[in-house]
Amino acid sequence: MRPRRGTATTKVVTVDVRAADTAWAVKGTKVTVALPGGKTVAGTVSRVGTDATAAQPSGEGGQGDDAATGTDTATVPVTVTVARQTALGSLEATPVDVRHTVETRKDVLTVPVAALLALAEGGYGLETVDGTHTAIVAVRTGLFADGWVEVSGSGISAGQRVGIPG
């Protein structure tokens, strides 16, 4: 009887990405994998599928976003490798989120998106609050992410309070 050699198992994360949203998914792209319990681990896209698959219709009548073609629900499998395998623990299969940061800006002013006001002359403004005095100040917007927006303009500065309509 010969001893058997074991094979190492490398765990990977496979996510189905909407076919219309795969521009970021390129081999070598760095991502963050959010695991159950709030932990995150770095990952790298190692494979991007070449065939899109339409989701199966669900519910009575089988009507999806585009029941005739399935184009609105078509997905492409993207495989992500995780170098720090121990971070995955004993998990074999579990729901995760894969996040890819397109752009990062540092030292900018941000406000909740809900604070933006559409100005009659076009563009956006904020209601600044100073005690009992309020004023509408025009701002330029930058990146939007997670319910926040980057703003700049001559009438806004760090630490200023802004109103939120509602």
N, C-alpha and C. Protein backbone atom coordinates (compact mmCIF):
# COMPACT_ATOMS: atom_id res chain seq x y z
N MET A 1 0.84 -1.16 0.00
CA MET A 1 0.00 0.00 0.00
C MET A 1 0.90 1.24 0.00
N ARG A 2 0.63 2.16 -0.91
CA ARG A 2 1.41 3.39 -0.99
C ARG A 2 0.69 4.51 -0.25
N PRO A 3 1.45 5.36 0.44
CA PRO A 3 0.79 6.50 1.08
C PRO A 3 0.23 7.44 0.02
N ARG A 4 -0.89 8.03 0.31
CA ARG A 4 -1.50 8.98 -0.62
C ARG A 4 -1.07 10.39 -0.27
N ARG A 5 -0.82 11.13 -1.27
CA ARG A 5 -0.48 12.54 -1.05
C ARG A 5 -1.76 13.36 -1.10
N GLY A 6 -1.94 14.22 -0.13
CA GLY A 6 -3.09 15.10 -0.13
C GLY A 6 -2.85 16.29 -1.05
N THR A 7 -3.91 16.89 -1.48
CA THR A 7 -3.78 18.09 -2.30
C THR A 7 -4.31 19.27 -1.50
N ALA A 8 -3.62 20.35 -1.61
CA ALA A 8 -4.06 21.56 -0.90
C ALA A 8 -5.30 22.11 -1.59
N THR A 9 -6.19 22.64 -0.81
CA THR A 9 -7.40 23.25 -1.34
C THR A 9 -7.28 24.76 -1.19
N THR A 10 -7.32 25.44 -2.31
CA THR A 10 -7.31 26.90 -2.27
C THR A 10 -8.73 27.37 -2.47
N LYS A 11 -9.24 28.10 -1.50
CA LYS A 11 -10.59 28.61 -1.60
C LYS A 11 -10.60 29.87 -2.45
N VAL A 12 -11.64 30.02 -3.24
CA VAL A 12 -11.82 31.21 -4.06
C VAL A 12 -13.23 31.73 -3.83
N VAL A 13 -13.45 32.95 -4.25
CA VAL A 13 -14.77 33.56 -4.18
C VAL A 13 -15.25 33.72 -5.61
N THR A 14 -16.46 33.26 -5.88
CA THR A 14 -17.04 33.44 -7.20
C THR A 14 -18.31 34.25 -7.04
N VAL A 15 -18.38 35.33 -7.77
CA VAL A 15 -19.55 36.20 -7.72
C VAL A 15 -20.13 36.33 -9.12
N ASP A 16 -21.45 36.42 -9.18
CA ASP A 16 -22.12 36.66 -10.46
C ASP A 16 -22.34 38.16 -10.57
N VAL A 17 -21.69 38.76 -11.56
CA VAL A 17 -21.75 40.21 -11.78
C VAL A 17 -22.65 40.47 -12.97
N ARG A 18 -23.55 41.44 -12.83
CA ARG A 18 -24.40 41.81 -13.97
C ARG A 18 -23.51 42.06 -15.18
N ALA A 19 -23.87 41.47 -16.29
CA ALA A 19 -23.06 41.57 -17.52
C ALA A 19 -22.81 43.03 -17.89
N ALA A 20 -23.77 43.90 -17.63
CA ALA A 20 -23.62 45.32 -17.97
C ALA A 20 -22.65 46.04 -17.04
N ASP A 21 -22.28 45.41 -15.91
CA ASP A 21 -21.43 46.06 -14.92
C ASP A 21 -20.05 45.44 -14.78
N THR A 22 -19.56 44.75 -15.79
CA THR A 22 -18.31 44.01 -15.66
C THR A 22 -17.06 44.78 -16.10
N ALA A 23 -17.18 46.04 -16.46
CA ALA A 23 -16.01 46.80 -16.95
C ALA A 23 -14.86 46.78 -15.94
N TRP A 24 -15.15 46.77 -14.66
CA TRP A 24 -14.11 46.77 -13.62
C TRP A 24 -13.44 45.41 -13.46
N ALA A 25 -14.11 44.37 -13.90
CA ALA A 25 -13.65 43.00 -13.64
C ALA A 25 -12.61 42.58 -14.66
N VAL A 26 -11.36 42.87 -14.36
CA VAL A 26 -10.24 42.53 -15.23
C VAL A 26 -9.25 41.73 -14.39
N LYS A 27 -8.67 40.69 -14.97
CA LYS A 27 -7.72 39.88 -14.24
C LYS A 27 -6.64 40.78 -13.63
N GLY A 28 -6.40 40.59 -12.33
CA GLY A 28 -5.41 41.38 -11.60
C GLY A 28 -5.99 42.54 -10.82
N THR A 29 -7.27 42.86 -11.03
CA THR A 29 -7.91 43.96 -10.30
C THR A 29 -8.00 43.63 -8.81
N LYS A 30 -7.60 44.57 -7.97
CA LYS A 30 -7.66 44.39 -6.51
C LYS A 30 -9.08 44.70 -6.03
N VAL A 31 -9.59 43.86 -5.14
CA VAL A 31 -10.93 44.03 -4.58
C VAL A 31 -10.88 43.77 -3.08
N THR A 32 -11.97 44.09 -2.41
CA THR A 32 -12.15 43.76 -1.00
C THR A 32 -13.33 42.82 -0.89
N VAL A 33 -13.15 41.73 -0.16
CA VAL A 33 -14.21 40.77 0.06
C VAL A 33 -14.72 40.96 1.48
N ALA A 34 -16.01 41.29 1.60
CA ALA A 34 -16.64 41.46 2.91
C ALA A 34 -17.27 40.13 3.31
N LEU A 35 -16.78 39.58 4.42
CA LEU A 35 -17.23 38.28 4.91
C LEU A 35 -18.32 38.45 5.96
N PRO A 36 -19.05 37.38 6.26
CA PRO A 36 -20.04 37.46 7.34
C PRO A 36 -19.36 37.89 8.64
N GLY A 37 -20.06 38.64 9.43
CA GLY A 37 -19.50 39.10 10.70
C GLY A 37 -18.74 40.41 10.58
N GLY A 38 -18.70 40.99 9.39
CA GLY A 38 -18.07 42.29 9.21
C GLY A 38 -16.59 42.28 8.88
N LYS A 39 -15.95 41.13 8.85
CA LYS A 39 -14.53 41.09 8.51
C LYS A 39 -14.36 41.28 7.01
N THR A 40 -13.22 41.87 6.63
CA THR A 40 -12.90 42.02 5.21
C THR A 40 -11.52 41.43 4.94
N VAL A 41 -11.32 41.03 3.70
CA VAL A 41 -10.05 40.45 3.29
C VAL A 41 -9.77 40.92 1.86
N ALA A 42 -8.50 41.14 1.56
CA ALA A 42 -8.11 41.57 0.22
C ALA A 42 -8.18 40.40 -0.74
N GLY A 43 -8.57 40.71 -1.96
CA GLY A 43 -8.64 39.69 -3.00
C GLY A 43 -8.19 40.25 -4.33
N THR A 44 -8.01 39.38 -5.29
CA THR A 44 -7.59 39.77 -6.63
C THR A 44 -8.42 38.99 -7.65
N VAL A 45 -8.95 39.69 -8.65
CA VAL A 45 -9.69 39.02 -9.71
C VAL A 45 -8.73 38.10 -10.44
N SER A 46 -9.07 36.81 -10.49
CA SER A 46 -8.18 35.84 -11.15
C SER A 46 -8.78 35.30 -12.45
N ARG A 47 -10.09 35.43 -12.60
CA ARG A 47 -10.74 34.95 -13.81
C ARG A 47 -12.06 35.67 -14.01
N VAL A 48 -12.33 35.99 -15.26
CA VAL A 48 -13.61 36.59 -15.62
C VAL A 48 -14.23 35.69 -16.68
N GLY A 49 -15.44 35.24 -16.40
CA GLY A 49 -16.13 34.37 -17.36
C GLY A 49 -16.32 35.06 -18.70
N THR A 50 -16.49 34.25 -19.72
CA THR A 50 -16.68 34.81 -21.06
C THR A 50 -18.10 34.63 -21.56
N ASP A 51 -18.92 33.90 -20.83
CA ASP A 51 -20.30 33.67 -21.23
C ASP A 51 -21.25 34.24 -20.18
N ALA A 52 -22.16 35.07 -20.63
CA ALA A 52 -23.19 35.60 -19.74
C ALA A 52 -24.33 34.60 -19.66
N THR A 53 -24.91 34.50 -18.47
CA THR A 53 -26.02 33.59 -18.25
C THR A 53 -27.20 34.39 -17.74
N ALA A 54 -28.35 34.19 -18.35
CA ALA A 54 -29.56 34.89 -17.92
C ALA A 54 -30.12 34.18 -16.70
N ALA A 55 -30.58 34.96 -15.74
CA ALA A 55 -31.20 34.38 -14.55
C ALA A 55 -32.50 33.70 -14.96
N GLN A 56 -32.84 32.64 -14.26
CA GLN A 56 -34.08 31.94 -14.55
C GLN A 56 -35.25 32.76 -14.05
N PRO A 57 -36.34 32.86 -14.82
CA PRO A 57 -37.51 33.59 -14.35
C PRO A 57 -38.03 32.98 -13.06
N SER A 58 -38.56 33.85 -12.19
CA SER A 58 -39.08 33.34 -10.93
C SER A 58 -40.51 33.81 -10.74
N GLY A 59 -41.21 33.16 -9.85
CA GLY A 59 -42.58 33.56 -9.55
C GLY A 59 -43.54 33.06 -10.61
N GLU A 60 -44.82 33.33 -10.39
CA GLU A 60 -45.83 32.89 -11.33
C GLU A 60 -45.76 33.74 -12.59
N GLY A 61 -45.92 33.09 -13.70
CA GLY A 61 -45.87 33.80 -14.98
C GLY A 61 -44.46 33.93 -15.51
N GLY A 62 -43.45 33.75 -14.66
CA GLY A 62 -42.07 33.76 -15.10
C GLY A 62 -41.60 35.06 -15.70
N GLN A 63 -42.16 36.16 -15.31
CA GLN A 63 -41.76 37.44 -15.88
C GLN A 63 -40.62 38.04 -15.09
N GLY A 64 -39.50 38.29 -15.74
CA GLY A 64 -38.37 38.94 -15.09
C GLY A 64 -38.28 40.36 -15.59
N ASP A 65 -37.08 40.96 -15.45
CA ASP A 65 -36.88 42.33 -15.92
C ASP A 65 -37.13 42.43 -17.41
N ASP A 66 -36.68 41.44 -18.15
CA ASP A 66 -36.86 41.41 -19.59
C ASP A 66 -37.07 39.95 -19.95
N ALA A 67 -38.30 39.49 -19.76
CA ALA A 67 -38.59 38.07 -19.90
C ALA A 67 -38.25 37.53 -21.28
N ALA A 68 -38.33 38.36 -22.30
CA ALA A 68 -38.08 37.89 -23.66
C ALA A 68 -36.60 37.56 -23.87
N THR A 69 -35.70 38.37 -23.33
CA THR A 69 -34.28 38.17 -23.62
C THR A 69 -33.43 37.87 -22.40
N GLY A 70 -33.84 38.27 -21.22
CA GLY A 70 -33.04 38.07 -20.02
C GLY A 70 -31.84 39.00 -19.95
N THR A 71 -31.75 40.00 -20.82
CA THR A 71 -30.57 40.85 -20.86
C THR A 71 -30.40 41.70 -19.60
N ASP A 72 -31.49 42.05 -18.95
CA ASP A 72 -31.37 42.87 -17.74
C ASP A 72 -30.83 42.09 -16.56
N THR A 73 -30.95 40.77 -16.61
CA THR A 73 -30.52 39.95 -15.47
C THR A 73 -29.33 39.06 -15.81
N ALA A 74 -28.79 39.18 -17.01
CA ALA A 74 -27.66 38.35 -17.40
C ALA A 74 -26.46 38.64 -16.52
N THR A 75 -25.77 37.58 -16.10
CA THR A 75 -24.60 37.73 -15.24
C THR A 75 -23.40 36.99 -15.83
N VAL A 76 -22.22 37.41 -15.38
CA VAL A 76 -20.96 36.79 -15.76
C VAL A 76 -20.25 36.38 -14.48
N PRO A 77 -19.75 35.13 -14.38
CA PRO A 77 -19.03 34.74 -13.17
C PRO A 77 -17.64 35.38 -13.11
N VAL A 78 -17.32 35.93 -11.95
CA VAL A 78 -16.00 36.52 -11.71
C VAL A 78 -15.39 35.79 -10.52
N THR A 79 -14.18 35.27 -10.71
CA THR A 79 -13.49 34.53 -9.65
C THR A 79 -12.44 35.43 -9.00
N VAL A 80 -12.45 35.44 -7.68
CA VAL A 80 -11.52 36.25 -6.89
C VAL A 80 -10.69 35.31 -6.02
N THR A 81 -9.38 35.47 -6.06
CA THR A 81 -8.52 34.69 -5.17
C THR A 81 -8.21 35.51 -3.93
N VAL A 82 -8.03 34.82 -2.83
CA VAL A 82 -7.73 35.45 -1.55
C VAL A 82 -6.40 34.89 -1.08
N ALA A 83 -5.39 35.76 -0.98
CA ALA A 83 -4.05 35.31 -0.58
C ALA A 83 -4.04 34.83 0.86
N ARG A 84 -4.73 35.53 1.74
CA ARG A 84 -4.74 35.19 3.16
C ARG A 84 -5.86 34.19 3.43
N GLN A 85 -5.62 32.96 3.05
CA GLN A 85 -6.63 31.90 3.14
C GLN A 85 -7.16 31.70 4.56
N THR A 86 -6.32 31.92 5.57
CA THR A 86 -6.75 31.72 6.95
C THR A 86 -7.89 32.66 7.33
N ALA A 87 -7.98 33.81 6.64
CA ALA A 87 -9.06 34.77 6.93
C ALA A 87 -10.42 34.19 6.58
N LEU A 88 -10.44 33.21 5.67
CA LEU A 88 -11.71 32.61 5.26
C LEU A 88 -12.20 31.57 6.27
N GLY A 89 -11.32 31.18 7.18
CA GLY A 89 -11.72 30.23 8.22
C GLY A 89 -12.18 28.92 7.62
N SER A 90 -13.20 28.33 8.22
CA SER A 90 -13.70 27.03 7.78
C SER A 90 -14.84 27.16 6.78
N LEU A 91 -15.13 28.36 6.34
CA LEU A 91 -16.24 28.56 5.41
C LEU A 91 -16.01 27.82 4.10
N GLU A 92 -17.03 27.12 3.65
CA GLU A 92 -16.97 26.47 2.34
C GLU A 92 -17.81 27.23 1.34
N ALA A 93 -18.96 27.73 1.79
CA ALA A 93 -19.85 28.52 0.94
C ALA A 93 -20.63 29.47 1.84
N THR A 94 -20.66 30.73 1.46
CA THR A 94 -21.38 31.72 2.25
C THR A 94 -21.59 32.97 1.40
N PRO A 95 -22.62 33.75 1.68
CA PRO A 95 -22.79 34.99 0.93
C PRO A 95 -21.72 36.01 1.33
N VAL A 96 -21.14 36.67 0.35
CA VAL A 96 -20.15 37.71 0.58
C VAL A 96 -20.44 38.87 -0.35
N ASP A 97 -19.85 40.00 -0.06
CA ASP A 97 -19.89 41.15 -0.96
C ASP A 97 -18.48 41.36 -1.48
N VAL A 98 -18.36 41.63 -2.76
CA VAL A 98 -17.07 41.95 -3.35
C VAL A 98 -17.13 43.41 -3.75
N ARG A 99 -16.19 44.18 -3.24
CA ARG A 99 -16.18 45.63 -3.50
C ARG A 99 -14.95 46.02 -4.28
N HIS A 100 -15.17 46.88 -5.25
CA HIS A 100 -14.06 47.40 -6.06
C HIS A 100 -14.12 48.92 -6.00
N THR A 101 -13.03 49.53 -5.56
CA THR A 101 -12.98 50.99 -5.48
C THR A 101 -12.42 51.52 -6.79
N VAL A 102 -13.23 52.32 -7.47
CA VAL A 102 -12.83 52.88 -8.76
C VAL A 102 -11.91 54.07 -8.56
N GLU A 103 -12.26 54.92 -7.60
CA GLU A 103 -11.46 56.12 -7.38
C GLU A 103 -11.59 56.53 -5.92
N THR A 104 -10.52 57.06 -5.37
CA THR A 104 -10.50 57.53 -3.99
C THR A 104 -10.01 58.97 -3.98
N ARG A 105 -10.65 59.78 -3.18
CA ARG A 105 -10.21 61.16 -3.01
C ARG A 105 -9.98 61.41 -1.53
N LYS A 106 -8.91 62.13 -1.21
CA LYS A 106 -8.60 62.44 0.18
C LYS A 106 -8.76 63.93 0.42
N ASP A 107 -9.01 64.28 1.68
CA ASP A 107 -9.11 65.67 2.11
C ASP A 107 -10.12 66.46 1.30
N VAL A 108 -11.32 65.92 1.16
CA VAL A 108 -12.40 66.61 0.48
C VAL A 108 -13.56 66.81 1.45
N LEU A 109 -14.42 67.73 1.14
CA LEU A 109 -15.62 67.95 1.93
C LEU A 109 -16.71 67.03 1.40
N THR A 110 -17.44 66.37 2.30
CA THR A 110 -18.56 65.54 1.89
C THR A 110 -19.78 65.87 2.73
N VAL A 111 -20.93 65.70 2.13
CA VAL A 111 -22.21 65.89 2.82
C VAL A 111 -23.13 64.75 2.40
N PRO A 112 -24.17 64.47 3.17
CA PRO A 112 -25.15 63.47 2.73
C PRO A 112 -25.78 63.91 1.40
N VAL A 113 -25.99 62.97 0.50
CA VAL A 113 -26.62 63.30 -0.79
C VAL A 113 -27.96 63.98 -0.57
N ALA A 114 -28.67 63.60 0.48
CA ALA A 114 -29.98 64.19 0.76
C ALA A 114 -29.91 65.69 1.05
N ALA A 115 -28.72 66.22 1.35
CA ALA A 115 -28.58 67.65 1.62
C ALA A 115 -28.54 68.49 0.33
N LEU A 116 -28.32 67.85 -0.81
CA LEU A 116 -28.24 68.60 -2.06
C LEU A 116 -29.60 69.17 -2.45
N LEU A 117 -29.58 70.40 -2.92
CA LEU A 117 -30.77 71.07 -3.43
C LEU A 117 -30.56 71.36 -4.90
N ALA A 118 -31.57 71.10 -5.73
CA ALA A 118 -31.49 71.46 -7.15
C ALA A 118 -31.78 72.96 -7.26
N LEU A 119 -30.88 73.71 -7.87
CA LEU A 119 -31.05 75.15 -8.02
C LEU A 119 -31.78 75.48 -9.31
N ALA A 120 -32.65 76.49 -9.27
CA ALA A 120 -33.43 76.90 -10.45
C ALA A 120 -32.52 77.27 -11.61
N GLU A 121 -31.38 77.86 -11.32
CA GLU A 121 -30.45 78.27 -12.38
C GLU A 121 -29.58 77.12 -12.87
N GLY A 122 -29.79 75.92 -12.32
CA GLY A 122 -29.00 74.75 -12.69
C GLY A 122 -27.97 74.45 -11.64
N GLY A 123 -27.54 73.24 -11.59
CA GLY A 123 -26.54 72.84 -10.60
C GLY A 123 -27.16 72.54 -9.26
N TYR A 124 -26.29 72.49 -8.25
CA TYR A 124 -26.73 72.12 -6.91
C TYR A 124 -26.31 73.15 -5.88
N GLY A 125 -27.03 73.12 -4.76
CA GLY A 125 -26.70 73.98 -3.65
C GLY A 125 -26.91 73.25 -2.34
N LEU A 126 -26.47 73.91 -1.27
CA LEU A 126 -26.67 73.40 0.08
C LEU A 126 -27.28 74.51 0.92
N GLU A 127 -28.08 74.13 1.88
CA GLU A 127 -28.56 75.08 2.87
C GLU A 127 -27.57 75.05 4.03
N THR A 128 -26.84 76.15 4.22
CA THR A 128 -25.92 76.23 5.35
C THR A 128 -26.69 76.77 6.55
N VAL A 129 -26.33 76.28 7.72
CA VAL A 129 -27.03 76.66 8.96
C VAL A 129 -26.00 77.22 9.93
N ASP A 130 -26.25 78.46 10.39
CA ASP A 130 -25.38 79.12 11.37
C ASP A 130 -26.29 79.69 12.45
N GLY A 131 -26.49 78.90 13.51
CA GLY A 131 -27.43 79.32 14.55
C GLY A 131 -28.84 79.33 14.00
N THR A 132 -29.46 80.53 13.97
CA THR A 132 -30.81 80.64 13.42
C THR A 132 -30.80 81.15 11.99
N HIS A 133 -29.63 81.48 11.47
CA HIS A 133 -29.51 82.00 10.10
C HIS A 133 -29.21 80.85 9.12
N THR A 134 -29.94 80.84 8.01
CA THR A 134 -29.67 79.87 6.96
C THR A 134 -29.42 80.59 5.64
N ALA A 135 -28.67 79.95 4.77
CA ALA A 135 -28.41 80.52 3.44
C ALA A 135 -28.25 79.36 2.46
N ILE A 136 -28.64 79.62 1.21
CA ILE A 136 -28.44 78.63 0.15
C ILE A 136 -27.14 78.99 -0.56
N VAL A 137 -26.24 78.03 -0.66
CA VAL A 137 -24.92 78.24 -1.25
C VAL A 137 -24.74 77.27 -2.42
N ALA A 138 -24.37 77.80 -3.59
CA ALA A 138 -24.12 76.93 -4.75
C ALA A 138 -22.84 76.12 -4.51
N VAL A 139 -22.86 74.85 -4.92
CA VAL A 139 -21.69 73.99 -4.77
C VAL A 139 -21.46 73.19 -6.07
N ARG A 140 -20.24 72.76 -6.24
CA ARG A 140 -19.90 71.82 -7.30
C ARG A 140 -19.84 70.44 -6.67
N THR A 141 -20.36 69.44 -7.37
CA THR A 141 -20.32 68.08 -6.83
C THR A 141 -19.19 67.29 -7.47
N GLY A 142 -18.70 66.32 -6.71
CA GLY A 142 -17.65 65.42 -7.20
C GLY A 142 -18.14 63.99 -7.13
N LEU A 143 -17.36 63.13 -6.49
CA LEU A 143 -17.71 61.71 -6.39
C LEU A 143 -18.90 61.48 -5.47
N PHE A 144 -19.73 60.52 -5.82
CA PHE A 144 -20.85 60.05 -5.01
C PHE A 144 -20.51 58.64 -4.54
N ALA A 145 -20.70 58.35 -3.25
CA ALA A 145 -20.47 56.99 -2.75
C ALA A 145 -21.17 56.78 -1.42
N ASP A 146 -21.85 55.67 -1.30
CA ASP A 146 -22.47 55.25 -0.04
C ASP A 146 -23.34 56.33 0.60
N GLY A 147 -24.09 57.07 -0.21
CA GLY A 147 -25.00 58.08 0.33
C GLY A 147 -24.36 59.42 0.62
N TRP A 148 -23.08 59.59 0.25
CA TRP A 148 -22.36 60.84 0.48
C TRP A 148 -21.89 61.40 -0.84
N VAL A 149 -21.69 62.70 -0.89
CA VAL A 149 -21.22 63.35 -2.11
C VAL A 149 -20.12 64.35 -1.77
N GLU A 150 -19.12 64.39 -2.61
CA GLU A 150 -18.04 65.38 -2.46
C GLU A 150 -18.57 66.73 -2.96
N VAL A 151 -18.33 67.80 -2.18
CA VAL A 151 -18.77 69.14 -2.59
C VAL A 151 -17.63 70.14 -2.46
N SER A 152 -17.69 71.17 -3.28
CA SER A 152 -16.73 72.27 -3.17
C SER A 152 -17.41 73.53 -3.63
N GLY A 153 -16.87 74.66 -3.23
CA GLY A 153 -17.41 75.96 -3.61
C GLY A 153 -16.95 77.01 -2.63
N SER A 154 -17.09 78.25 -3.03
CA SER A 154 -16.58 79.34 -2.20
C SER A 154 -17.38 79.56 -0.92
N GLY A 155 -18.62 79.09 -0.86
CA GLY A 155 -19.44 79.35 0.32
C GLY A 155 -19.53 78.19 1.29
N ILE A 156 -18.66 77.21 1.13
CA ILE A 156 -18.74 76.03 2.01
C ILE A 156 -17.35 75.70 2.54
N SER A 157 -17.28 75.31 3.82
CA SER A 157 -15.99 74.97 4.40
C SER A 157 -16.18 73.85 5.43
N ALA A 158 -15.07 73.23 5.81
CA ALA A 158 -15.11 72.14 6.78
C ALA A 158 -15.71 72.61 8.10
N GLY A 159 -16.55 71.78 8.68
CA GLY A 159 -17.17 72.10 9.96
C GLY A 159 -18.48 72.84 9.86
N GLN A 160 -18.82 73.33 8.69
CA GLN A 160 -20.09 74.03 8.52
C GLN A 160 -21.24 73.05 8.63
N ARG A 161 -22.34 73.49 9.19
CA ARG A 161 -23.54 72.66 9.29
C ARG A 161 -24.39 72.89 8.06
N VAL A 162 -24.98 71.80 7.56
CA VAL A 162 -25.89 71.91 6.42
C VAL A 162 -27.24 71.33 6.79
N GLY A 163 -28.27 71.88 6.20
CA GLY A 163 -29.62 71.38 6.43
C GLY A 163 -29.95 70.25 5.47
N ILE A 164 -30.86 69.41 5.89
CA ILE A 164 -31.35 68.33 5.03
C ILE A 164 -32.85 68.51 4.91
N PRO A 165 -33.34 68.72 3.66
CA PRO A 165 -34.78 68.93 3.47
C PRO A 165 -35.60 67.76 3.99
N GLY A 166 -36.77 68.07 4.43
CA GLY A 166 -37.64 66.96 4.79
C GLY A 166 -38.33 67.21 6.04
